[in-house]
Protein backbone atom coordinates (compact mmCIF):
# COMPACT_ATOMS: atom_id res chain seq x y z
CA UNK A 1 94.09 66.85 89.88
CA UNK A 2 93.61 67.22 93.63
CA UNK A 3 92.87 70.31 95.70
CA UNK A 4 96.50 71.33 96.29
CA UNK A 5 97.24 71.05 92.57
CA UNK A 6 94.15 73.15 91.82
CA UNK A 7 95.25 75.79 94.33
CA UNK A 8 98.69 75.89 92.69
CA UNK A 9 97.13 76.27 89.23
CA UNK A 10 94.85 79.07 90.44
CA UNK A 11 97.76 80.85 92.12
CA UNK A 12 99.85 80.69 88.97
CA UNK A 13 97.04 81.72 86.60
CA UNK A 14 95.78 84.62 88.75
CA UNK A 15 99.25 85.63 90.00
CA UNK A 16 98.28 85.10 93.64
CA UNK A 17 100.03 83.45 96.53
CA UNK A 18 98.93 79.91 97.32
CA UNK A 19 97.34 81.17 100.57
CA UNK A 20 95.28 83.74 98.64
CA UNK A 21 94.33 81.16 96.02
CA UNK A 22 93.27 78.69 98.73
CA UNK A 23 91.10 81.36 100.41
CA UNK A 24 89.54 82.20 97.03
CA UNK A 25 88.78 78.56 96.27
CA UNK A 26 87.28 78.06 99.73
CA UNK A 27 85.10 81.16 99.23
CA UNK A 28 83.88 79.90 95.86
CA UNK A 29 83.09 76.44 97.20
CA UNK A 30 81.31 77.87 100.26
CA UNK A 31 79.19 80.15 98.06
CA UNK A 32 78.34 77.26 95.72
CA UNK A 33 77.43 75.01 98.65
CA UNK A 34 75.24 77.69 100.24
CA UNK A 35 73.49 78.30 96.91
CA UNK A 36 72.72 74.61 96.39
CA UNK A 37 71.73 74.08 100.03
CA UNK A 38 69.16 76.85 99.57
CA UNK A 39 67.66 74.94 96.63
CA UNK A 40 68.90 77.45 94.05
CA UNK A 41 70.94 76.78 90.92
CA UNK A 42 74.20 78.44 89.87
CA UNK A 43 74.92 79.10 86.20
CA UNK A 44 78.41 79.93 84.99
CA UNK A 45 77.91 80.89 81.34
CA UNK A 46 80.13 78.81 79.07
CA UNK A 47 81.14 76.44 81.88
CA UNK A 48 77.92 74.86 83.14
CA UNK A 49 75.08 74.82 85.63
CA UNK A 50 75.07 73.41 89.15
CA UNK A 51 71.64 72.49 90.48
CA UNK A 52 69.82 70.26 92.96
CA UNK A 53 67.94 67.13 91.94
CA UNK A 54 65.30 65.50 94.10
CA UNK A 55 65.14 61.72 94.13
CA UNK A 56 61.89 60.09 95.17
CA UNK A 57 61.58 57.20 97.59
CA UNK A 58 61.74 53.82 95.92
CA UNK A 59 62.08 50.11 96.54
CA UNK A 60 65.39 48.41 95.95
CA UNK A 61 67.14 45.12 96.46
CA UNK A 62 70.32 44.30 98.36
CA UNK A 63 72.52 42.64 95.71
CA UNK A 64 74.28 40.43 98.27
CA UNK A 65 71.24 39.04 100.05
CA UNK A 66 68.43 39.69 97.58
CA UNK A 67 66.39 41.23 100.40
CA UNK A 68 63.96 44.01 99.44
CA UNK A 69 64.77 47.41 100.98
CA UNK A 70 63.11 50.81 100.97
CA UNK A 71 65.34 53.64 99.76
CA UNK A 72 64.25 56.99 101.23
CA UNK A 73 63.82 60.18 99.20
CA UNK A 74 66.97 62.30 98.94
CA UNK A 75 68.43 65.40 97.37
CA UNK A 76 71.59 65.26 95.23
CA UNK A 77 73.79 67.85 93.48
CA UNK A 78 73.79 67.85 89.69
CA UNK A 79 76.08 69.45 87.08
CA UNK A 80 75.28 70.09 83.42
CA UNK A 81 78.22 71.16 81.27
CA UNK A 82 77.82 74.28 79.12
CA UNK A 83 78.26 74.33 75.35
CA UNK A 84 81.63 76.12 75.49
CA UNK A 85 83.07 73.52 77.87
CA UNK A 86 81.67 70.68 75.76
CA UNK A 87 83.20 72.16 72.62
CA UNK A 88 86.62 72.54 74.27
CA UNK A 89 86.56 68.93 75.47
CA UNK A 90 85.52 67.61 72.06
CA UNK A 91 88.28 69.46 70.18
CA UNK A 92 90.92 67.03 71.45
């Protein structure tokens, strides 16, 4: 499913126009991004938890050349599925 298909599904489910559904989706994604950028986590009970994970600096190796490289520390988004979502996926 891509973004336009998601917008169509939201519009149909919530009985909104596609423009309204697109604005709603954009608002949700902006709020989620702002939350994670601030270092917070967002929990949607039954669906899952979005959080931020810090990765430490480490040494690595270029697989093509075999040369050692230093990989800097970084921050990455993380998602952990909730029990309700897991149960729905495992029913099928």
